[in-house]
Amino acid sequence: MKTIKVPEEVKLDVGGEVEQVFTFKEFLLAAINTHEPFGQGIKNIRQGYKLAELAESDEEELELEDADYEVLKAAVEACKWNPFVARNAITFYDALGL
């Protein structure tokens, strides 16, 4: 079992003309929603749905089975970000233990 403590008031300003601010959970959802395997096969679709539901919850600590944590970690690591965003997302990666 792996517990992820959701960082408080950690926001990621993605820059640009239009200000977009991502919270930690939005960061997780972006990774989950763009991770291709979560759109392939019902097993992966269910796992992606489960992780998205967890990320959308109001919980301050996210409890994940070890296998789910590894899949979430892979989704976050596979997510492609603008280099500016990636440099500013280090706090989010640290919260996941990456």
C-alpha atoms as a PDB file:
ATOM      1  CA  MET A   1       0.000   0.000   0.000  1.00  0.00           C
ATOM      2  CA  LYS A   2       1.295   3.450  -0.912  1.00  0.00           C
ATOM      3  CA  THR A   3       0.014   6.716   0.548  1.00  0.00           C
ATOM      4  CA  ILE A   4       0.463   9.982  -1.319  1.00  0.00           C
ATOM      5  CA  LYS A   5      -0.040  13.118   0.741  1.00  0.00           C
ATOM      6  CA  VAL A   6      -1.613  15.779  -1.451  1.00  0.00           C
ATOM      7  CA  PRO A   7       0.535  18.904  -1.212  1.00  0.00           C
ATOM      8  CA  GLU A   8      -1.303  21.969   0.044  1.00  0.00           C
ATOM      9  CA  GLU A   9      -1.341  25.085  -2.074  1.00  0.00           C
ATOM     10  CA  VAL A  10       1.154  23.743  -4.549  1.00  0.00           C
ATOM     11  CA  LYS A  11       0.147  25.213  -7.854  1.00  0.00           C
ATOM     12  CA  LEU A  12       1.840  25.085 -11.198  1.00  0.00           C
ATOM     13  CA  ASP A  13       1.674  28.191 -13.366  1.00  0.00           C
ATOM     14  CA  VAL A  14       2.065  26.959 -16.924  1.00  0.00           C
ATOM     15  CA  GLY A  15       2.911  30.432 -18.214  1.00  0.00           C
ATOM     16  CA  GLY A  16       1.884  31.953 -21.485  1.00  0.00           C
ATOM     17  CA  GLU A  17      -0.545  34.739 -22.221  1.00  0.00           C
ATOM     18  CA  VAL A  18      -3.468  32.938 -20.628  1.00  0.00           C
ATOM     19  CA  GLU A  19      -2.768  32.069 -17.031  1.00  0.00           C
ATOM     20  CA  GLN A  20      -3.474  28.446 -16.259  1.00  0.00           C
ATOM     21  CA  VAL A  21      -2.853  27.125 -12.791  1.00  0.00           C
ATOM     22  CA  PHE A  22      -2.823  23.403 -12.048  1.00  0.00           C
ATOM     23  CA  THR A  23      -3.274  21.887  -8.630  1.00  0.00           C
ATOM     24  CA  PHE A  24      -1.584  18.601  -7.749  1.00  0.00           C
ATOM     25  CA  LYS A  25      -4.762  16.615  -8.452  1.00  0.00           C
ATOM     26  CA  GLU A  26      -5.204  18.334 -11.818  1.00  0.00           C
ATOM     27  CA  PHE A  27      -1.593  17.403 -12.560  1.00  0.00           C
ATOM     28  CA  LEU A  28      -2.445  13.755 -11.803  1.00  0.00           C
ATOM     29  CA  LEU A  29      -5.602  13.905 -13.921  1.00  0.00           C
ATOM     30  CA  ALA A  30      -3.683  15.375 -16.859  1.00  0.00           C
ATOM     31  CA  ALA A  31      -1.259  12.458 -16.693  1.00  0.00           C
ATOM     32  CA  ILE A  32      -4.060   9.894 -16.297  1.00  0.00           C
ATOM     33  CA  ASN A  33      -6.202  11.360 -19.070  1.00  0.00           C
ATOM     34  CA  THR A  34      -3.347  11.416 -21.585  1.00  0.00           C
ATOM     35  CA  HIS A  35      -1.833   8.011 -20.758  1.00  0.00           C
ATOM     36  CA  GLU A  36      -2.560   5.963 -23.881  1.00  0.00           C
ATOM     37  CA  PRO A  37      -2.789   2.539 -22.209  1.00  0.00           C
ATOM     38  CA  PHE A  38      -5.825   3.747 -20.209  1.00  0.00           C
ATOM     39  CA  GLY A  39      -7.741   3.876 -23.492  1.00  0.00           C
ATOM     40  CA  GLN A  40      -6.830   0.347 -24.592  1.00  0.00           C
ATOM     41  CA  GLY A  41      -8.711  -2.680 -23.314  1.00  0.00           C
ATOM     42  CA  ILE A  42     -11.299  -2.821 -20.573  1.00  0.00           C
ATOM     43  CA  LYS A  43      -8.799  -3.774 -17.845  1.00  0.00           C
ATOM     44  CA  ASN A  44      -6.725  -0.645 -18.527  1.00  0.00           C
ATOM     45  CA  ILE A  45      -9.839   1.508 -18.954  1.00  0.00           C
ATOM     46  CA  ARG A  46     -11.086   0.379 -15.528  1.00  0.00           C
ATOM     47  CA  GLN A  47      -7.702   1.041 -13.935  1.00  0.00           C
ATOM     48  CA  GLY A  48      -7.558   4.534 -15.454  1.00  0.00           C
ATOM     49  CA  TYR A  49     -11.096   5.193 -14.251  1.00  0.00           C
ATOM     50  CA  LYS A  50     -10.214   4.029 -10.742  1.00  0.00           C
ATOM     51  CA  LEU A  51      -7.160   6.293 -10.604  1.00  0.00           C
ATOM     52  CA  ALA A  52      -9.097   9.265 -12.012  1.00  0.00           C
ATOM     53  CA  GLU A  53     -11.810   8.793  -9.382  1.00  0.00           C
ATOM     54  CA  LEU A  54      -9.154   8.779  -6.677  1.00  0.00           C
ATOM     55  CA  ALA A  55      -7.500  11.908  -8.079  1.00  0.00           C
ATOM     56  CA  GLU A  56     -10.881  13.674  -8.185  1.00  0.00           C
ATOM     57  CA  SER A  57     -11.688  12.803  -4.572  1.00  0.00           C
ATOM     58  CA  ASP A  58     -11.548  15.305  -1.714  1.00  0.00           C
ATOM     59  CA  GLU A  59      -9.076  13.144   0.181  1.00  0.00           C
ATOM     60  CA  GLU A  60      -5.906  14.792   1.475  1.00  0.00           C
ATOM     61  CA  GLU A  61      -4.091  11.458   1.327  1.00  0.00           C
ATOM     62  CA  LEU A  62      -4.450   9.094  -1.594  1.00  0.00           C
ATOM     63  CA  GLU A  63      -4.241   5.397  -0.710  1.00  0.00           C
ATOM     64  CA  LEU A  64      -3.090   3.205  -3.588  1.00  0.00           C
ATOM     65  CA  GLU A  65      -2.339  -0.471  -3.920  1.00  0.00           C
ATOM     66  CA  ASP A  66       1.288  -0.983  -4.920  1.00  0.00           C
ATOM     67  CA  ALA A  67       0.310  -2.024  -8.469  1.00  0.00           C
ATOM     68  CA  ASP A  68      -1.904   1.055  -8.903  1.00  0.00           C
ATOM     69  CA  TYR A  69       0.896   3.280  -7.624  1.00  0.00           C
ATOM     70  CA  GLU A  70       3.321   1.819 -10.176  1.00  0.00           C
ATOM     71  CA  VAL A  71       0.827   2.422 -13.000  1.00  0.00           C
ATOM     72  CA  LEU A  72       0.152   5.994 -11.815  1.00  0.00           C
ATOM     73  CA  LYS A  73       3.882   6.606 -11.582  1.00  0.00           C
ATOM     74  CA  ALA A  74       4.337   5.322 -15.150  1.00  0.00           C
ATOM     75  CA  ALA A  75       1.526   7.595 -16.380  1.00  0.00           C
ATOM     76  CA  VAL A  76       3.106  10.641 -14.729  1.00  0.00           C
ATOM     77  CA  GLU A  77       6.563   9.767 -16.035  1.00  0.00           C
ATOM     78  CA  ALA A  78       5.184   9.277 -19.566  1.00  0.00           C
ATOM     79  CA  CYS A  79       3.316  12.588 -19.561  1.00  0.00           C
ATOM     80  CA  LYS A  80       4.892  15.130 -21.902  1.00  0.00           C
ATOM     81  CA  TRP A  81       5.124  18.682 -20.615  1.00  0.00           C
ATOM     82  CA  ASN A  82       6.519  21.899 -21.950  1.00  0.00           C
ATOM     83  CA  PRO A  83      10.064  22.131 -20.457  1.00  0.00           C
ATOM     84  CA  PHE A  84       9.087  25.278 -18.516  1.00  0.00           C
ATOM     85  CA  VAL A  85       6.165  23.431 -16.972  1.00  0.00           C
ATOM     86  CA  ALA A  86       8.249  20.339 -16.261  1.00  0.00           C
ATOM     87  CA  ARG A  87      10.871  22.341 -14.355  1.00  0.00           C
ATOM     88  CA  ASN A  88       8.167  23.943 -12.253  1.00  0.00           C
ATOM     89  CA  ALA A  89       6.438  20.626 -11.547  1.00  0.00           C
ATOM     90  CA  ILE A  90       9.251  19.194  -9.440  1.00  0.00           C
ATOM     91  CA  THR A  91       7.181  19.610  -6.246  1.00  0.00           C
ATOM     92  CA  PHE A  92       4.496  17.421  -7.800  1.00  0.00           C
ATOM     93  CA  TYR A  93       7.006  14.742  -8.764  1.00  0.00           C
ATOM     94  CA  ASP A  94       8.461  14.867  -5.236  1.00  0.00           C
ATOM     95  CA  ALA A  95       4.998  14.315  -3.749  1.00  0.00           C
ATOM     96  CA  LEU A  96       4.780  11.106  -5.774  1.00  0.00           C
ATOM     97  CA  GLY A  97       8.214   9.987  -4.657  1.00  0.00           C
ATOM     98  CA  LEU A  98       9.684  10.182  -8.148  1.00  0.00           C
END
